[in-house]
């Protein structure tokens, strides 16, 4: 098994994992309904830490997901966290993302506590809380 920026190819948060996540998003009827009207890409920044069992401490993955109207239209592995004014960036430690996918915390709680930092129009994002929760649920099923 090879690696991508310190992450085994088949591991959570690899490019292959995000491709599968995108595919599962497109199969999910609930997300399709809850995400209707969403038109903005989300860039995920995942920073390896000592508590992560998927990403080495100090390693960083930045992946943009092109989301629109309850569908995932692709992913883009990026070298930086640069986003446009009409996009979102959600960044946090890999262990925080892992806890989210294991149901140990919620997306909203992680954001409120500052464990996940969000850049973008928060008021607009708040109208899609159900869709955001759907994405966390879908991600937890990606193996």
N, C-alpha and C. Protein backbone atom coordinates (compact mmCIF):
# COMPACT_ATOMS: atom_id res chain seq x y z
N UNK A 1 0.84 -1.17 0.00
CA UNK A 1 0.00 0.00 0.00
C UNK A 1 0.89 1.24 0.00
N UNK A 2 0.67 2.15 -0.91
CA UNK A 2 1.45 3.38 -1.00
C UNK A 2 0.93 4.41 -0.02
N UNK A 3 1.42 5.65 -0.15
CA UNK A 3 0.92 6.70 0.72
C UNK A 3 0.77 8.00 -0.06
N UNK A 4 -0.02 8.89 0.47
CA UNK A 4 -0.24 10.21 -0.08
C UNK A 4 -0.07 11.20 1.04
N UNK A 5 0.99 11.97 0.99
CA UNK A 5 1.29 12.97 2.01
C UNK A 5 1.20 12.40 3.42
N UNK A 6 1.73 11.20 3.59
CA UNK A 6 1.79 10.61 4.92
C UNK A 6 0.57 9.79 5.30
N UNK A 7 -0.39 9.63 4.37
CA UNK A 7 -1.60 8.87 4.66
C UNK A 7 -1.62 7.65 3.75
N UNK A 8 -1.73 6.44 4.32
CA UNK A 8 -1.84 5.27 3.46
C UNK A 8 -3.00 5.43 2.48
N UNK A 9 -2.82 4.93 1.26
CA UNK A 9 -3.80 5.13 0.20
C UNK A 9 -5.21 4.72 0.60
N UNK A 10 -5.37 3.61 1.29
CA UNK A 10 -6.70 3.13 1.66
C UNK A 10 -7.21 3.74 2.96
N UNK A 11 -6.41 4.56 3.62
CA UNK A 11 -6.78 5.11 4.93
C UNK A 11 -7.79 6.24 4.80
N UNK A 12 -8.43 6.54 5.93
CA UNK A 12 -9.30 7.71 5.99
C UNK A 12 -8.51 8.93 5.57
N UNK A 13 -9.18 9.81 4.85
CA UNK A 13 -8.66 11.10 4.43
C UNK A 13 -7.67 11.03 3.28
N UNK A 14 -7.45 9.87 2.70
CA UNK A 14 -6.62 9.80 1.50
C UNK A 14 -7.46 10.29 0.31
N UNK A 15 -6.81 10.53 -0.81
CA UNK A 15 -7.54 10.91 -2.02
C UNK A 15 -8.57 9.86 -2.40
N UNK A 16 -8.19 8.59 -2.26
CA UNK A 16 -9.11 7.49 -2.57
C UNK A 16 -10.31 7.51 -1.62
N UNK A 17 -10.07 7.79 -0.35
CA UNK A 17 -11.15 7.86 0.63
C UNK A 17 -12.13 8.97 0.27
N UNK A 18 -11.61 10.17 -0.09
CA UNK A 18 -12.48 11.28 -0.46
C UNK A 18 -13.26 10.97 -1.74
N UNK A 19 -12.66 10.25 -2.69
CA UNK A 19 -13.38 9.85 -3.90
C UNK A 19 -14.56 8.95 -3.54
N UNK A 20 -14.34 8.02 -2.63
CA UNK A 20 -15.42 7.14 -2.17
C UNK A 20 -16.47 7.94 -1.40
N UNK A 21 -16.06 8.89 -0.60
CA UNK A 21 -16.98 9.77 0.13
C UNK A 21 -17.89 10.49 -0.86
N UNK A 22 -17.31 11.04 -1.91
CA UNK A 22 -18.08 11.74 -2.94
C UNK A 22 -19.11 10.79 -3.57
N UNK A 23 -18.70 9.57 -3.87
CA UNK A 23 -19.61 8.59 -4.47
C UNK A 23 -20.77 8.28 -3.53
N UNK A 24 -20.47 8.11 -2.25
CA UNK A 24 -21.52 7.79 -1.26
C UNK A 24 -22.47 8.97 -1.06
N UNK A 25 -21.96 10.19 -1.14
CA UNK A 25 -22.81 11.37 -1.05
C UNK A 25 -23.87 11.31 -2.16
N UNK A 26 -23.44 10.95 -3.35
CA UNK A 26 -24.35 10.92 -4.49
C UNK A 26 -25.38 9.80 -4.42
N UNK A 27 -25.13 8.82 -3.58
CA UNK A 27 -26.09 7.73 -3.39
C UNK A 27 -27.09 8.01 -2.26
N UNK A 28 -26.89 9.08 -1.51
CA UNK A 28 -27.67 9.32 -0.30
C UNK A 28 -28.87 10.23 -0.59
N UNK A 29 -30.06 9.66 -0.49
CA UNK A 29 -31.30 10.40 -0.77
C UNK A 29 -31.54 11.52 0.25
N UNK A 30 -31.25 11.25 1.51
CA UNK A 30 -31.49 12.28 2.53
C UNK A 30 -30.61 13.49 2.29
N UNK A 31 -29.32 13.28 1.98
CA UNK A 31 -28.45 14.42 1.70
C UNK A 31 -28.92 15.15 0.44
N UNK A 32 -29.36 14.41 -0.55
CA UNK A 32 -29.83 15.06 -1.79
C UNK A 32 -30.95 16.04 -1.46
N UNK A 33 -31.84 15.65 -0.55
CA UNK A 33 -32.97 16.52 -0.14
C UNK A 33 -32.46 17.68 0.73
N UNK A 34 -31.68 17.36 1.76
CA UNK A 34 -31.22 18.38 2.70
C UNK A 34 -30.22 19.35 2.07
N UNK A 35 -29.48 18.90 1.07
CA UNK A 35 -28.48 19.74 0.42
C UNK A 35 -29.00 20.52 -0.77
N UNK A 36 -30.29 20.37 -1.07
CA UNK A 36 -30.89 21.10 -2.21
C UNK A 36 -30.71 22.60 -1.99
N UNK A 37 -30.21 23.29 -2.98
CA UNK A 37 -29.99 24.73 -2.89
C UNK A 37 -28.56 25.11 -2.52
N UNK A 38 -27.78 24.15 -1.98
CA UNK A 38 -26.37 24.41 -1.66
C UNK A 38 -25.58 24.54 -2.95
N UNK A 39 -24.75 25.57 -3.08
CA UNK A 39 -24.02 25.82 -4.33
C UNK A 39 -22.55 26.15 -4.12
N UNK A 40 -21.98 25.81 -2.95
CA UNK A 40 -20.64 26.26 -2.62
C UNK A 40 -19.72 25.10 -2.29
N UNK A 41 -18.50 25.18 -2.76
CA UNK A 41 -17.51 24.14 -2.47
C UNK A 41 -17.05 24.26 -1.03
N UNK A 42 -16.62 23.11 -0.49
CA UNK A 42 -16.06 23.08 0.86
C UNK A 42 -14.66 22.48 0.76
N UNK A 43 -13.70 23.19 1.33
CA UNK A 43 -12.35 22.67 1.42
C UNK A 43 -12.13 22.18 2.85
N UNK A 44 -11.70 20.94 2.96
CA UNK A 44 -11.41 20.33 4.26
C UNK A 44 -9.90 20.33 4.46
N UNK A 45 -9.46 20.87 5.59
CA UNK A 45 -8.05 20.84 5.96
C UNK A 45 -7.93 19.94 7.18
N UNK A 46 -7.17 18.87 7.04
CA UNK A 46 -7.04 17.85 8.08
C UNK A 46 -5.58 17.78 8.47
N UNK A 47 -5.32 18.11 9.74
CA UNK A 47 -3.95 18.21 10.22
C UNK A 47 -3.66 17.04 11.16
N UNK A 48 -2.66 16.25 10.81
CA UNK A 48 -2.28 15.11 11.64
C UNK A 48 -1.82 15.54 13.02
N UNK A 49 -2.18 14.74 14.01
CA UNK A 49 -1.78 15.04 15.38
C UNK A 49 -1.48 13.73 16.10
N UNK A 50 -0.90 13.83 17.28
CA UNK A 50 -0.46 12.64 18.02
C UNK A 50 -1.61 11.72 18.41
N UNK A 51 -2.83 12.24 18.47
CA UNK A 51 -3.99 11.42 18.85
C UNK A 51 -4.68 10.76 17.67
N UNK A 52 -4.25 11.05 16.48
CA UNK A 52 -4.86 10.48 15.28
C UNK A 52 -4.29 9.09 15.01
N UNK A 53 -5.14 8.19 14.58
CA UNK A 53 -4.67 6.87 14.18
C UNK A 53 -4.68 6.71 12.66
N UNK A 54 -4.97 7.79 11.92
CA UNK A 54 -4.97 7.74 10.46
C UNK A 54 -3.93 8.65 9.81
N UNK A 55 -3.58 9.75 10.48
CA UNK A 55 -2.71 10.75 9.88
C UNK A 55 -1.55 11.03 10.83
N UNK A 56 -0.33 10.91 10.31
CA UNK A 56 0.86 11.19 11.12
C UNK A 56 0.86 12.63 11.59
N UNK A 57 1.35 12.83 12.82
CA UNK A 57 1.48 14.18 13.36
C UNK A 57 2.31 15.03 12.42
N UNK A 58 1.83 16.23 12.19
CA UNK A 58 2.53 17.17 11.32
C UNK A 58 2.16 17.08 9.85
N UNK A 59 1.51 16.00 9.44
CA UNK A 59 1.09 15.87 8.05
C UNK A 59 -0.21 16.65 7.86
N UNK A 60 -0.47 17.07 6.63
CA UNK A 60 -1.66 17.88 6.38
C UNK A 60 -2.26 17.50 5.03
N UNK A 61 -3.57 17.30 5.01
CA UNK A 61 -4.31 17.06 3.77
C UNK A 61 -5.27 18.21 3.56
N UNK A 62 -5.36 18.68 2.34
CA UNK A 62 -6.30 19.73 1.99
C UNK A 62 -7.04 19.23 0.75
N UNK A 63 -8.36 19.06 0.90
CA UNK A 63 -9.18 18.51 -0.18
C UNK A 63 -10.41 19.37 -0.36
N UNK A 64 -10.65 19.78 -1.59
CA UNK A 64 -11.83 20.56 -1.94
C UNK A 64 -12.89 19.61 -2.50
N UNK A 65 -14.10 19.71 -1.95
CA UNK A 65 -15.23 18.94 -2.47
C UNK A 65 -16.17 19.93 -3.16
N UNK A 66 -16.49 19.62 -4.41
CA UNK A 66 -17.39 20.47 -5.19
C UNK A 66 -18.81 19.94 -4.95
N UNK A 67 -19.57 20.67 -4.12
CA UNK A 67 -20.91 20.26 -3.74
C UNK A 67 -21.93 21.23 -4.33
N UNK A 68 -23.02 20.68 -4.88
CA UNK A 68 -24.06 21.53 -5.45
C UNK A 68 -25.38 20.78 -5.47
N UNK A 69 -26.41 21.42 -4.91
CA UNK A 69 -27.78 20.89 -4.95
C UNK A 69 -27.88 19.43 -4.52
N UNK A 70 -27.22 19.09 -3.42
CA UNK A 70 -27.33 17.74 -2.87
C UNK A 70 -26.51 16.70 -3.59
N UNK A 71 -25.51 17.12 -4.34
CA UNK A 71 -24.64 16.20 -5.08
C UNK A 71 -23.19 16.60 -4.88
N UNK A 72 -22.32 15.62 -5.03
CA UNK A 72 -20.88 15.88 -5.04
C UNK A 72 -20.42 15.77 -6.49
N UNK A 73 -19.88 16.86 -7.00
CA UNK A 73 -19.45 16.90 -8.40
C UNK A 73 -17.95 16.71 -8.56
N UNK A 74 -17.29 16.20 -7.50
CA UNK A 74 -15.88 15.88 -7.61
C UNK A 74 -15.07 16.42 -6.45
N UNK A 75 -13.81 15.96 -6.42
CA UNK A 75 -12.87 16.41 -5.40
C UNK A 75 -11.62 16.94 -6.08
N UNK A 76 -10.90 17.76 -5.35
CA UNK A 76 -9.63 18.30 -5.85
C UNK A 76 -8.65 18.32 -4.68
N UNK A 77 -7.57 17.60 -4.80
CA UNK A 77 -6.53 17.60 -3.78
C UNK A 77 -5.71 18.88 -3.99
N UNK A 78 -5.57 19.65 -2.92
CA UNK A 78 -4.95 20.96 -3.03
C UNK A 78 -3.65 21.02 -2.24
N UNK A 79 -2.83 21.99 -2.58
CA UNK A 79 -1.58 22.21 -1.87
C UNK A 79 -1.70 23.28 -0.79
N UNK A 80 -2.80 24.05 -0.83
CA UNK A 80 -2.97 25.12 0.14
C UNK A 80 -4.45 25.24 0.51
N UNK A 81 -4.71 26.07 1.50
CA UNK A 81 -6.07 26.27 1.98
C UNK A 81 -6.74 27.46 1.30
N UNK A 82 -6.20 27.93 0.18
CA UNK A 82 -6.79 29.08 -0.50
C UNK A 82 -8.21 28.77 -0.94
N UNK A 83 -9.13 29.67 -0.63
CA UNK A 83 -10.51 29.53 -1.06
C UNK A 83 -10.97 30.86 -1.63
N UNK A 84 -12.02 30.82 -2.45
CA UNK A 84 -12.60 32.06 -2.96
C UNK A 84 -13.61 32.57 -1.95
N UNK A 85 -14.12 33.75 -2.16
CA UNK A 85 -15.09 34.34 -1.24
C UNK A 85 -16.38 33.53 -1.16
N UNK A 86 -16.67 32.74 -2.16
CA UNK A 86 -17.93 31.99 -2.20
C UNK A 86 -17.74 30.52 -1.83
N UNK A 87 -16.70 30.22 -1.09
CA UNK A 87 -16.44 28.84 -0.68
C UNK A 87 -16.27 28.79 0.84
N UNK A 88 -16.12 27.58 1.34
CA UNK A 88 -15.92 27.36 2.76
C UNK A 88 -14.64 26.58 2.99
N UNK A 89 -14.03 26.84 4.14
CA UNK A 89 -12.89 26.07 4.62
C UNK A 89 -13.23 25.60 6.02
N UNK A 90 -13.13 24.29 6.23
CA UNK A 90 -13.31 23.72 7.56
C UNK A 90 -12.01 23.01 7.90
N UNK A 91 -11.35 23.47 8.97
CA UNK A 91 -10.05 22.90 9.31
C UNK A 91 -10.04 22.42 10.76
N UNK A 92 -9.25 21.37 10.98
CA UNK A 92 -9.12 20.83 12.33
C UNK A 92 -8.15 19.67 12.36
N UNK A 93 -7.85 19.24 13.58
CA UNK A 93 -6.95 18.11 13.78
C UNK A 93 -7.62 16.82 13.28
N UNK A 94 -6.81 15.90 12.80
CA UNK A 94 -7.33 14.63 12.30
C UNK A 94 -8.11 13.89 13.38
N UNK A 95 -7.64 13.94 14.63
CA UNK A 95 -8.35 13.24 15.71
C UNK A 95 -9.74 13.82 15.94
N UNK A 96 -9.91 15.12 15.72
CA UNK A 96 -11.25 15.73 15.84
C UNK A 96 -12.16 15.18 14.75
N UNK A 97 -11.66 15.10 13.52
CA UNK A 97 -12.45 14.55 12.41
C UNK A 97 -12.80 13.08 12.70
N UNK A 98 -11.84 12.33 13.23
CA UNK A 98 -12.08 10.92 13.55
C UNK A 98 -13.17 10.79 14.62
N UNK A 99 -13.10 11.61 15.67
CA UNK A 99 -14.13 11.58 16.71
C UNK A 99 -15.50 11.93 16.16
N UNK A 100 -15.54 12.85 15.24
CA UNK A 100 -16.80 13.22 14.60
C UNK A 100 -17.40 12.03 13.85
N UNK A 101 -16.57 11.35 13.08
CA UNK A 101 -17.07 10.22 12.29
C UNK A 101 -17.41 9.00 13.13
N UNK A 102 -16.84 8.93 14.33
CA UNK A 102 -17.16 7.82 15.23
C UNK A 102 -18.35 8.15 16.14
N UNK A 103 -18.93 9.33 15.96
CA UNK A 103 -20.09 9.72 16.76
C UNK A 103 -19.76 10.16 18.17
N UNK A 104 -18.48 10.41 18.46
CA UNK A 104 -18.07 10.86 19.79
C UNK A 104 -18.34 12.34 20.01
N UNK A 105 -18.55 13.08 18.94
CA UNK A 105 -18.88 14.49 18.99
C UNK A 105 -19.74 14.81 17.77
N UNK A 106 -20.33 15.98 17.76
CA UNK A 106 -21.13 16.40 16.60
C UNK A 106 -20.39 17.51 15.85
N UNK A 107 -20.78 17.71 14.62
CA UNK A 107 -20.17 18.76 13.81
C UNK A 107 -20.39 20.12 14.47
N UNK A 108 -21.62 20.39 14.88
CA UNK A 108 -21.94 21.69 15.48
C UNK A 108 -21.15 21.88 16.79
N UNK A 109 -21.12 20.86 17.64
CA UNK A 109 -20.38 20.96 18.90
C UNK A 109 -18.89 21.21 18.64
N UNK A 110 -18.33 20.51 17.65
CA UNK A 110 -16.91 20.69 17.32
C UNK A 110 -16.63 22.11 16.85
N UNK A 111 -17.57 22.68 16.10
CA UNK A 111 -17.40 24.06 15.62
C UNK A 111 -17.54 25.05 16.79
N UNK A 112 -18.54 24.84 17.64
CA UNK A 112 -18.77 25.74 18.76
C UNK A 112 -17.60 25.73 19.74
N UNK A 113 -17.00 24.57 19.96
CA UNK A 113 -15.86 24.45 20.86
C UNK A 113 -14.57 24.98 20.22
N UNK A 114 -14.58 25.21 18.91
CA UNK A 114 -13.39 25.69 18.23
C UNK A 114 -12.46 24.58 17.78
N UNK A 115 -12.90 23.32 17.94
CA UNK A 115 -12.07 22.20 17.47
C UNK A 115 -12.03 22.14 15.95
N UNK A 116 -13.11 22.57 15.31
CA UNK A 116 -13.15 22.73 13.86
C UNK A 116 -13.38 24.21 13.59
N UNK A 117 -12.53 24.79 12.77
CA UNK A 117 -12.64 26.21 12.45
C UNK A 117 -13.26 26.35 11.06
N UNK A 118 -14.20 27.27 10.94
CA UNK A 118 -14.92 27.47 9.68
C UNK A 118 -14.63 28.87 9.16
N UNK A 119 -14.27 28.92 7.88
CA UNK A 119 -14.10 30.19 7.18
C UNK A 119 -15.15 30.22 6.08
N UNK A 120 -15.92 31.28 6.03
CA UNK A 120 -16.99 31.41 5.04
C UNK A 120 -18.21 32.02 5.70
N UNK A 121 -19.27 32.16 4.95
CA UNK A 121 -20.50 32.79 5.41
C UNK A 121 -21.24 31.85 6.37
N UNK A 122 -21.06 32.06 7.67
CA UNK A 122 -21.64 31.19 8.69
C UNK A 122 -23.17 31.27 8.68
N UNK A 123 -23.73 32.44 8.45
CA UNK A 123 -25.19 32.58 8.43
C UNK A 123 -25.79 31.70 7.33
N UNK A 124 -25.17 31.71 6.17
CA UNK A 124 -25.65 30.88 5.06
C UNK A 124 -25.48 29.40 5.40
N UNK A 125 -24.33 29.07 5.98
CA UNK A 125 -24.05 27.69 6.35
C UNK A 125 -25.08 27.17 7.36
N UNK A 126 -25.51 28.03 8.27
CA UNK A 126 -26.44 27.61 9.32
C UNK A 126 -27.78 27.15 8.75
N UNK A 127 -28.13 27.58 7.56
CA UNK A 127 -29.39 27.14 6.93
C UNK A 127 -29.30 25.69 6.43
N UNK A 128 -28.10 25.14 6.44
CA UNK A 128 -27.88 23.79 5.92
C UNK A 128 -27.32 22.86 7.00
N UNK A 129 -27.75 23.05 8.24
CA UNK A 129 -27.26 22.22 9.34
C UNK A 129 -27.57 20.74 9.09
N UNK A 130 -28.78 20.45 8.62
CA UNK A 130 -29.13 19.04 8.36
C UNK A 130 -28.23 18.43 7.29
N UNK A 131 -27.92 19.19 6.26
CA UNK A 131 -27.03 18.69 5.21
C UNK A 131 -25.63 18.45 5.77
N UNK A 132 -25.16 19.35 6.63
CA UNK A 132 -23.84 19.18 7.25
C UNK A 132 -23.81 17.92 8.12
N UNK A 133 -24.88 17.69 8.87
CA UNK A 133 -24.96 16.47 9.68
C UNK A 133 -25.01 15.23 8.80
N UNK A 134 -25.70 15.34 7.65
CA UNK A 134 -25.73 14.23 6.70
C UNK A 134 -24.33 13.89 6.22
N UNK A 135 -23.54 14.93 5.91
CA UNK A 135 -22.18 14.69 5.42
C UNK A 135 -21.34 13.95 6.47
N UNK A 136 -21.49 14.33 7.74
CA UNK A 136 -20.76 13.64 8.80
C UNK A 136 -21.21 12.18 8.89
N UNK A 137 -22.52 11.95 8.77
CA UNK A 137 -23.05 10.59 8.82
C UNK A 137 -22.52 9.75 7.66
N UNK A 138 -22.55 10.33 6.47
CA UNK A 138 -22.07 9.63 5.28
C UNK A 138 -20.58 9.31 5.41
N UNK A 139 -19.80 10.29 5.88
CA UNK A 139 -18.35 10.09 6.04
C UNK A 139 -18.06 8.93 6.99
N UNK A 140 -18.89 8.78 8.02
CA UNK A 140 -18.64 7.70 8.99
C UNK A 140 -18.79 6.32 8.37
N UNK A 141 -19.50 6.23 7.25
CA UNK A 141 -19.70 4.95 6.58
C UNK A 141 -18.68 4.64 5.49
N UNK A 142 -17.77 5.56 5.25
CA UNK A 142 -16.75 5.34 4.22
C UNK A 142 -15.60 4.54 4.85
N UNK A 143 -15.30 3.39 4.26
CA UNK A 143 -14.21 2.55 4.79
C UNK A 143 -13.10 2.41 3.78
